[in-house]
Amino acid sequence: MTTSDLVGLRIKTVRRQRGLSQAQLAHPELSDSYVSLIESGKRTPTPAVLELLAQKLDCSLSYLINGVTAEQMEDIELALGYARLALENGEVAEARTRFEELLGNSNLTGLTALRQDAEFGLALATEAGGDLDRAISILLKLRKEELTPERGIEVAVALCRAYRESERLTEAVEVGEQMLGGNVRLAWTDLLVELGATLLAAYLERADLLRARQFAAELLNAADALGTPRSIVAANWNASIVARVTGHGHEAVSFAERAMAVQLEHGQPRNIARMRVALAKTLLRSGTRDAVAVRNMLRAAIAEFEQTSTSTIDRAILHVELACSEYMTGDLDEAVQHAVTGRNLLPEFGNVLGAEANLLLGRIYGAVGRVDEGREHTAAVKGWLAPLPDSRRSASTWYATAETMEQLGDSEGAVEAYRRALACAGV
């Protein structure tokens, strides 16, 4: 049934419940034939006529338009607000439950915009909980619907990110390029810069370093032209990652520090916390700050993460990065604890971060002479990497695994890991 059919049916139903004829409902403002056409779905009433009919029928305008009463609409909007708040506060499981309960409400069926809001929220909560496959499924379903331009970009950002985090890099790139490189090039906005930044990270993971450098420069120019904090942070944060990976350490730190400065002034606590970890990671790998200072920065970030709505994967990244800094500063017990914590926050297997955590554990146990345990953890890297498609990060992790296996005396395992690294690199 069309919207006009449904509106007409509701008017007819309420009119009969009130014991009115079409002529009685119409008099004196409308003709009974016009009311008949509306009830049969052959005419779409204007907003003014709908409001008039709602008054004459003593029902809410919301019910005639959407099939729900004003009270039911208020309940739905309140439930959606609570679900969003739970997600913003980092209560991912509760947010997921609230969004699912809301989507089970039959009154939401005819409320397209609110239903799409709830489904998008469920996708974000599911992604934050680490269930990337289900998040992708929800986003793909949403993408097939008629969406507002802004919602369409938001869905593309989330889908590109979820594909990238799942190491499905070809699909991540396709999503970003389809939105940004359509038949008509859209004017840059904050949301499109964020989509571009997400696409940029996919280029980087795919080892398309030349394209990444070129696109990073394009995003920086777009962000500077817009002049908005949101676009400046997104462009500089991701340009920093590109600079670090391509060997431009000082440039990487400069971009990261600019992003951090803008985020501190304008950003939300969750994004400030995530940015602090990104900056620490950049400093640690560029060698521009001593490892102790970076370690202390990451230790302080734990409390910050606990007080904000960072996702499970965000917390896993923090703990693995902290494990690296503890390892570099010689506190091996703390390094082990954080590596295990970070790994255990991740979905089981199929995640490069989990592989990196196990690899670090292998190195730590090898450093203290517990070689058998070191080999066990290093061998476990295969389970985390094997399900993933080839990528720059996977190749790098396979190569590091091979080196660690050699150091631990596992020659056979090292040869296999070197082969996997070459295969990932396309050699």
Protein backbone atom coordinates (compact mmCIF):
# COMPACT_ATOMS: atom_id res chain seq x y z
CA MET A 1 0.00 0.00 0.00
CA THR A 2 1.13 3.55 -0.75
CA THR A 3 1.40 6.28 1.86
CA SER A 4 -1.82 7.85 0.52
CA ASP A 5 -3.60 4.50 0.84
CA LEU A 6 -2.49 4.13 4.46
CA VAL A 7 -3.47 7.70 5.39
CA GLY A 8 -6.87 7.24 3.76
CA LEU A 9 -7.42 3.93 5.56
CA ARG A 10 -6.63 5.50 8.93
CA ILE A 11 -9.04 8.38 8.30
CA LYS A 12 -11.77 5.93 7.28
CA THR A 13 -11.15 3.70 10.32
CA VAL A 14 -11.27 6.55 12.84
CA ARG A 15 -14.30 8.12 11.13
CA ARG A 16 -16.24 4.87 11.49
CA GLN A 17 -15.10 4.49 15.11
CA ARG A 18 -16.50 7.96 15.76
CA GLY A 19 -19.82 7.00 14.05
CA LEU A 20 -19.53 9.72 11.41
CA SER A 21 -20.51 9.63 7.74
CA GLN A 22 -18.25 11.07 5.05
CA ALA A 23 -20.65 14.00 4.68
CA GLN A 24 -20.60 14.71 8.42
CA LEU A 25 -16.79 14.62 8.50
CA ALA A 26 -16.56 16.88 5.45
CA HIS A 27 -19.11 19.56 6.47
CA PRO A 28 -18.71 22.50 6.16
CA GLU A 29 -15.08 22.94 5.01
CA LEU A 30 -14.80 20.01 2.55
CA SER A 31 -16.99 18.08 0.16
CA ASP A 32 -17.97 14.51 0.95
CA SER A 33 -16.64 13.44 -2.49
CA TYR A 34 -13.22 14.85 -1.60
CA VAL A 35 -13.23 12.91 1.69
CA SER A 36 -14.20 9.80 -0.28
CA LEU A 37 -11.25 10.29 -2.65
CA ILE A 38 -8.87 10.73 0.31
CA GLU A 39 -10.14 7.58 2.04
CA SER A 40 -9.73 5.54 -1.15
CA GLY A 41 -6.15 6.76 -1.59
CA LYS A 42 -6.94 8.60 -4.83
CA ARG A 43 -6.09 12.00 -3.39
CA THR A 44 -3.26 13.03 -1.12
CA PRO A 45 -4.50 15.57 1.42
CA THR A 46 -2.48 18.72 2.01
CA PRO A 47 -0.93 19.26 5.46
CA ALA A 48 -3.66 21.81 6.24
CA VAL A 49 -6.43 19.34 5.31
CA LEU A 50 -4.79 16.60 7.35
CA GLU A 51 -4.61 18.87 10.38
CA LEU A 52 -8.28 19.80 9.91
CA LEU A 53 -9.34 16.15 9.68
CA ALA A 54 -7.32 15.26 12.77
CA GLN A 55 -9.17 17.98 14.73
CA LYS A 56 -12.58 16.84 13.42
CA LEU A 57 -11.78 13.19 14.22
CA ASP A 58 -10.33 14.11 17.65
CA CYS A 59 -7.11 12.17 17.00
CA SER A 60 -3.47 13.16 16.68
CA LEU A 61 -2.02 14.35 13.39
CA SER A 62 0.85 11.94 14.06
CA TYR A 63 -1.56 9.00 13.98
CA LEU A 64 -3.04 9.95 10.61
CA ILE A 65 0.40 10.45 9.05
CA ASN A 66 2.40 7.66 10.67
CA GLY A 67 -0.09 5.28 12.24
CA VAL A 68 1.12 6.02 15.76
CA THR A 69 -0.31 8.26 18.42
CA ALA A 70 1.52 11.30 19.74
CA GLU A 71 2.22 9.35 22.95
CA GLN A 72 3.64 6.40 21.01
CA MET A 73 5.81 8.74 18.93
CA GLU A 74 7.13 10.35 22.10
CA ASP A 75 7.96 6.91 23.56
CA ILE A 76 9.83 5.91 20.40
CA GLU A 77 11.86 9.13 20.29
CA LEU A 78 12.67 8.80 23.99
CA ALA A 79 13.82 5.17 23.53
CA LEU A 80 15.97 6.20 20.57
CA GLY A 81 17.52 8.98 22.64
CA TYR A 82 18.40 6.57 25.46
CA ALA A 83 19.95 4.11 22.98
CA ARG A 84 22.09 6.86 21.44
CA LEU A 85 23.16 8.06 24.88
CA ALA A 86 24.22 4.54 25.88
CA LEU A 87 26.34 4.31 22.71
CA GLU A 88 27.91 7.72 23.30
CA ASN A 89 28.75 6.72 26.89
CA GLY A 90 30.50 3.55 25.76
CA GLU A 91 27.81 1.21 27.10
CA VAL A 92 27.95 -0.79 23.89
CA ALA A 93 26.04 -3.90 25.01
CA GLU A 94 23.22 -1.81 26.49
CA ALA A 95 23.05 0.36 23.37
CA ARG A 96 22.83 -2.71 21.17
CA THR A 97 20.03 -4.16 23.30
CA ARG A 98 18.10 -0.86 23.27
CA PHE A 99 18.37 -0.47 19.49
CA GLU A 100 17.28 -4.09 18.96
CA GLU A 101 14.28 -3.65 21.28
CA LEU A 102 13.33 -0.47 19.47
CA LEU A 103 13.49 -2.19 16.08
CA GLY A 104 11.19 -4.88 17.45
CA ASN A 105 8.51 -2.25 18.13
CA SER A 106 5.78 -2.65 15.48
CA ASN A 107 4.93 1.05 15.77
CA LEU A 108 8.31 1.85 14.17
CA THR A 109 7.42 0.11 10.91
CA GLY A 110 5.85 3.12 9.21
CA LEU A 111 8.33 5.64 10.62
CA THR A 112 11.02 5.31 7.96
CA ALA A 113 13.41 8.01 9.18
CA LEU A 114 13.29 6.85 12.81
CA ARG A 115 13.65 3.20 11.81
CA GLN A 116 16.71 4.07 9.73
CA ASP A 117 18.11 6.00 12.70
CA ALA A 118 17.65 2.92 14.90
CA GLU A 119 19.20 0.56 12.33
CA PHE A 120 22.19 2.84 11.85
CA GLY A 121 22.63 3.08 15.62
CA LEU A 122 22.47 -0.72 15.88
CA ALA A 123 25.15 -1.00 13.18
CA LEU A 124 27.46 1.38 15.09
CA ALA A 125 26.86 -0.42 18.39
CA THR A 126 27.49 -3.79 16.73
CA GLU A 127 30.69 -2.49 15.15
CA ALA A 128 31.84 -1.03 18.48
CA GLY A 129 31.27 -4.45 20.07
CA GLY A 130 33.59 -6.06 17.51
CA ASP A 131 30.96 -7.93 15.47
CA LEU A 132 32.04 -6.47 12.14
CA ASP A 133 30.27 -9.02 9.92
CA ARG A 134 26.85 -8.22 11.40
CA ALA A 135 27.56 -4.49 11.31
CA ILE A 136 28.39 -4.77 7.61
CA SER A 137 25.21 -6.75 6.98
CA ILE A 138 23.05 -4.06 8.64
CA LEU A 139 24.80 -1.26 6.76
CA LEU A 140 24.44 -3.01 3.40
CA LYS A 141 20.71 -3.43 4.01
CA LEU A 142 20.40 0.26 4.90
CA ARG A 143 22.36 1.27 1.82
CA LYS A 144 19.73 -0.27 -0.45
CA GLU A 145 17.07 2.08 0.92
CA GLU A 146 16.29 5.64 -0.06
CA LEU A 147 18.36 7.71 2.37
CA THR A 148 18.88 11.40 2.93
CA PRO A 149 22.19 12.64 1.42
CA GLU A 150 23.73 13.06 4.88
CA ARG A 151 22.61 9.62 6.06
CA GLY A 152 23.94 8.10 2.84
CA ILE A 153 27.41 9.51 3.53
CA GLU A 154 27.29 8.40 7.18
CA VAL A 155 26.44 4.86 6.11
CA ALA A 156 29.27 4.93 3.55
CA VAL A 157 31.76 6.08 6.22
CA ALA A 158 30.73 3.33 8.63
CA LEU A 159 30.69 0.65 5.90
CA CYS A 160 34.09 1.68 4.51
CA ARG A 161 35.51 1.61 8.05
CA ALA A 162 33.97 -1.78 8.89
CA TYR A 163 35.27 -3.30 5.65
CA ARG A 164 38.72 -1.88 6.38
CA GLU A 165 38.76 -3.19 9.93
CA SER A 166 37.75 -6.59 8.54
CA GLU A 167 40.70 -6.41 6.10
CA ARG A 168 38.23 -6.47 3.18
CA LEU A 169 40.16 -3.67 1.57
CA THR A 170 38.89 -3.92 -2.01
CA GLU A 171 35.33 -3.50 -0.77
CA ALA A 172 36.36 -0.64 1.54
CA VAL A 173 37.93 1.23 -1.37
CA GLU A 174 34.92 0.58 -3.62
CA VAL A 175 32.52 2.07 -1.06
CA GLY A 176 34.59 5.22 -0.59
CA GLU A 177 35.33 5.78 -4.26
CA GLN A 178 31.72 5.23 -5.32
CA MET A 179 30.56 7.98 -2.99
CA LEU A 180 33.40 10.43 -3.66
CA GLY A 181 33.91 9.75 -7.36
CA GLY A 182 30.37 9.53 -8.69
CA ASN A 183 29.12 11.06 -11.91
CA VAL A 184 28.94 14.45 -10.20
CA ARG A 185 31.79 15.28 -7.82
CA LEU A 186 30.26 16.51 -4.57
CA ALA A 187 31.51 19.66 -2.90
CA TRP A 188 33.64 18.88 0.15
CA THR A 189 31.89 18.85 3.53
CA ASP A 190 32.97 17.65 6.97
CA LEU A 191 31.26 14.31 6.38
CA LEU A 192 32.88 13.83 2.97
CA VAL A 193 36.32 14.64 4.41
CA GLU A 194 35.70 11.97 7.07
CA LEU A 195 34.74 9.53 4.34
CA GLY A 196 37.89 10.52 2.46
CA ALA A 197 39.98 9.95 5.58
CA THR A 198 38.47 6.48 5.99
CA LEU A 199 39.18 5.71 2.33
CA LEU A 200 42.72 7.02 2.77
CA ALA A 201 43.32 4.50 5.56
CA ALA A 202 42.11 1.72 3.23
CA TYR A 203 44.58 2.84 0.53
CA LEU A 204 47.30 2.67 3.13
CA GLU A 205 46.33 -0.81 4.33
CA ARG A 206 46.25 -1.95 0.71
CA ALA A 207 49.85 -0.70 0.31
CA ASP A 208 48.82 1.82 -2.36
CA LEU A 209 51.29 4.30 -0.88
CA LEU A 210 51.57 6.63 -3.89
CA ARG A 211 47.80 7.05 -4.06
CA ALA A 212 47.69 7.48 -0.29
CA ARG A 213 50.26 10.32 -0.38
CA GLN A 214 48.41 12.07 -3.22
CA PHE A 215 45.00 11.69 -1.64
CA ALA A 216 46.28 12.83 1.78
CA ALA A 217 47.42 16.08 0.19
CA GLU A 218 44.01 16.49 -1.47
CA LEU A 219 42.23 15.97 1.85
CA LEU A 220 44.49 18.44 3.64
CA ASN A 221 43.71 21.08 1.01
CA ALA A 222 39.97 20.37 1.30
CA ALA A 223 40.10 20.62 5.11
CA ASP A 224 42.06 23.88 5.01
CA ALA A 225 39.52 25.32 2.57
CA LEU A 226 36.61 24.30 4.81
CA GLY A 227 38.41 25.53 7.94
CA THR A 228 36.25 23.44 10.27
CA PRO A 229 37.69 21.61 13.30
CA ARG A 230 36.06 18.34 12.27
CA SER A 231 37.62 18.27 8.79
CA ILE A 232 41.01 19.53 9.98
CA VAL A 233 41.25 16.76 12.59
CA ALA A 234 40.19 14.01 10.17
CA ALA A 235 42.56 15.10 7.40
CA ASN A 236 45.59 15.74 9.61
CA TRP A 237 45.13 12.58 11.70
CA ASN A 238 45.15 10.35 8.63
CA ALA A 239 47.83 12.35 6.81
CA SER A 240 50.00 11.70 9.88
CA ILE A 241 49.53 7.95 9.51
CA VAL A 242 50.44 8.11 5.82
CA ALA A 243 53.55 10.17 6.55
CA ARG A 244 54.67 7.72 9.25
CA VAL A 245 54.20 4.65 7.08
CA THR A 246 56.01 6.25 4.15
CA GLY A 247 59.00 7.17 6.31
CA HIS A 248 58.39 10.87 6.92
CA GLY A 249 58.60 10.80 10.72
CA HIS A 250 58.83 14.52 11.51
CA GLU A 251 56.00 15.29 9.08
CA ALA A 252 53.92 12.58 10.75
CA VAL A 253 54.44 14.11 14.19
CA SER A 254 53.60 17.60 12.89
CA PHE A 255 50.29 16.44 11.40
CA ALA A 256 49.41 14.43 14.51
CA GLU A 257 50.17 17.31 16.87
CA ARG A 258 48.02 19.68 14.81
CA ALA A 259 45.14 17.22 14.91
CA MET A 260 45.59 16.78 18.66
CA ALA A 261 45.63 20.55 19.29
CA VAL A 262 42.37 21.08 17.38
CA GLN A 263 40.77 18.04 19.01
CA LEU A 264 41.63 19.26 22.51
CA GLU A 265 39.96 22.58 21.78
CA HIS A 266 36.85 21.38 19.97
CA GLY A 267 36.53 17.59 20.25
CA GLN A 268 34.43 15.23 22.31
CA PRO A 269 36.11 13.23 25.15
CA ARG A 270 35.95 9.96 23.18
CA ASN A 271 37.74 11.42 20.18
CA ILE A 272 40.30 13.19 22.38
CA ALA A 273 41.10 9.86 24.04
CA ARG A 274 41.48 8.08 20.70
CA MET A 275 43.61 10.91 19.32
CA ARG A 276 45.94 10.73 22.32
CA VAL A 277 46.66 7.07 21.54
CA ALA A 278 47.21 7.89 17.86
CA LEU A 279 49.67 10.63 18.80
CA ALA A 280 51.50 8.33 21.22
CA LYS A 281 51.74 5.65 18.51
CA THR A 282 53.17 8.20 16.08
CA LEU A 283 55.72 9.45 18.61
CA LEU A 284 56.75 5.92 19.55
CA ARG A 285 57.36 4.82 15.97
CA SER A 286 58.96 8.04 14.76
CA GLY A 287 61.53 8.08 17.55
CA THR A 288 60.94 11.76 18.26
CA ARG A 289 60.00 11.20 21.91
CA ASP A 290 61.56 8.83 24.42
CA ALA A 291 59.66 5.62 25.10
CA VAL A 292 59.17 6.41 28.80
CA ALA A 293 57.31 9.64 28.02
CA VAL A 294 55.10 7.84 25.51
CA ARG A 295 54.47 5.02 27.97
CA ASN A 296 53.36 7.50 30.60
CA MET A 297 51.05 9.16 28.08
CA LEU A 298 49.45 5.79 27.30
CA ARG A 299 49.14 4.84 30.97
CA ALA A 300 47.25 8.07 31.60
CA ALA A 301 44.99 7.29 28.63
CA ILE A 302 43.60 4.16 30.32
CA ALA A 303 41.59 6.22 32.81
CA GLU A 304 40.52 8.55 30.01
CA PHE A 305 39.25 5.59 27.98
CA GLU A 306 37.30 4.22 30.93
CA GLN A 307 35.46 7.53 31.31
CA THR A 308 34.51 7.90 27.63
CA SER A 309 32.59 5.99 25.00
CA THR A 310 35.55 4.33 23.31
CA SER A 311 34.76 1.06 21.57
CA THR A 312 36.07 -2.40 22.35
CA ILE A 313 38.50 -2.19 19.44
CA ASP A 314 39.67 1.26 20.59
CA ARG A 315 40.48 -0.19 24.01
CA ALA A 316 42.25 -3.16 22.42
CA ILE A 317 44.44 -0.78 20.41
CA LEU A 318 45.31 1.17 23.57
CA HIS A 319 46.38 -1.93 25.48
CA VAL A 320 48.47 -3.35 22.64
CA GLU A 321 50.19 0.02 22.12
CA LEU A 322 50.82 0.27 25.85
CA ALA A 323 52.23 -3.27 25.80
CA CYS A 324 54.69 -2.17 23.09
CA SER A 325 55.82 0.85 25.10
CA GLU A 326 56.17 -1.22 28.31
CA TYR A 327 58.27 -3.73 26.34
CA MET A 328 60.50 -0.96 24.98
CA THR A 329 61.03 0.49 28.47
CA GLY A 330 61.81 -2.93 29.98
CA ASP A 331 58.72 -3.50 32.14
CA LEU A 332 58.00 -6.95 30.74
CA ASP A 333 55.40 -8.00 33.30
CA GLU A 334 53.25 -4.97 32.47
CA ALA A 335 53.84 -5.59 28.77
CA VAL A 336 52.50 -9.14 29.06
CA GLN A 337 49.46 -8.01 31.01
CA HIS A 338 48.48 -5.34 28.48
CA ALA A 339 49.16 -7.54 25.45
CA VAL A 340 46.87 -10.25 26.85
CA THR A 341 44.20 -7.70 27.80
CA GLY A 342 44.23 -6.14 24.34
CA ARG A 343 44.13 -9.49 22.56
CA ASN A 344 41.26 -10.75 24.71
CA LEU A 345 39.15 -7.71 23.83
CA LEU A 346 39.18 -8.69 20.16
CA PRO A 347 36.89 -11.11 18.33
CA GLU A 348 38.50 -14.55 18.16
CA PHE A 349 41.00 -14.70 15.29
CA GLY A 350 40.89 -12.91 11.95
CA ASN A 351 42.40 -9.67 13.24
CA VAL A 352 45.88 -8.23 12.63
CA LEU A 353 45.91 -6.54 16.03
CA GLY A 354 45.45 -9.92 17.72
CA ALA A 355 48.36 -11.26 15.69
CA GLU A 356 50.52 -8.32 16.76
CA ALA A 357 49.63 -8.92 20.43
CA ASN A 358 50.65 -12.60 20.18
CA LEU A 359 53.83 -11.70 18.34
CA LEU A 360 54.77 -9.27 21.11
CA LEU A 361 54.09 -11.97 23.72
CA GLY A 362 56.37 -14.32 21.79
CA ARG A 363 59.17 -11.76 21.86
CA ILE A 364 58.70 -11.02 25.55
CA TYR A 365 58.82 -14.66 26.61
CA GLY A 366 61.80 -15.21 24.34
CA ALA A 367 63.60 -12.25 25.96
CA VAL A 368 63.28 -13.79 29.43
CA GLY A 369 64.37 -17.26 28.31
CA ARG A 370 60.93 -18.91 28.29
CA VAL A 371 61.44 -20.08 24.72
CA ASP A 372 58.72 -22.73 24.59
CA GLU A 373 56.06 -20.21 25.64
CA GLY A 374 57.50 -17.72 23.18
CA ARG A 375 57.19 -20.24 20.34
CA GLU A 376 53.63 -21.08 21.39
CA HIS A 377 52.51 -17.46 21.22
CA THR A 378 54.36 -16.81 17.97
CA ALA A 379 52.85 -19.91 16.36
CA ALA A 380 49.39 -18.61 17.37
CA VAL A 381 49.90 -15.65 15.04
CA LYS A 382 48.91 -17.91 12.13
CA GLY A 383 45.40 -18.36 13.52
CA TRP A 384 44.86 -14.60 13.61
CA LEU A 385 46.31 -13.84 10.17
CA ALA A 386 45.33 -16.85 8.07
CA PRO A 387 41.62 -15.91 7.65
CA LEU A 388 42.50 -12.42 6.41
CA PRO A 389 43.03 -11.30 2.80
CA ASP A 390 46.45 -10.07 1.72
CA SER A 391 47.37 -6.55 2.84
CA ARG A 392 50.38 -4.40 3.64
CA ARG A 393 49.83 -4.79 7.36
CA SER A 394 49.41 -8.57 7.12
CA ALA A 395 52.61 -8.85 5.07
CA SER A 396 54.51 -6.76 7.62
CA THR A 397 53.21 -8.89 10.51
CA TRP A 398 54.07 -12.17 8.73
CA TYR A 399 57.60 -10.88 8.14
CA ALA A 400 58.04 -9.83 11.78
CA THR A 401 56.69 -13.23 12.82
CA ALA A 402 59.26 -14.99 10.63
CA GLU A 403 62.08 -12.98 12.21
CA THR A 404 60.84 -13.77 15.72
CA MET A 405 60.51 -17.48 14.91
CA GLU A 406 64.12 -17.48 13.71
CA GLN A 407 65.23 -15.89 16.97
CA LEU A 408 63.30 -18.56 18.91
CA GLY A 409 64.87 -21.38 16.88
CA ASP A 410 61.74 -22.34 14.95
CA SER A 411 63.34 -22.54 11.49
CA GLU A 412 60.50 -24.45 9.84
CA GLY A 413 57.89 -22.00 11.10
CA ALA A 414 60.06 -19.08 10.02
CA VAL A 415 60.32 -20.35 6.43
CA GLU A 416 56.53 -20.71 6.22
CA ALA A 417 56.00 -17.22 7.68
CA TYR A 418 58.47 -15.71 5.15
CA ARG A 419 56.50 -17.40 2.37
CA ARG A 420 53.24 -15.95 3.67
CA ALA A 421 54.80 -12.49 3.90
CA LEU A 422 55.96 -12.69 0.26
CA ALA A 423 52.52 -13.93 -0.84
CA CYS A 424 50.81 -11.02 0.94
CA ALA A 425 53.21 -8.62 -0.76
CA GLY A 426 52.39 -10.15 -4.15
CA VAL A 427 55.87 -11.59 -4.72
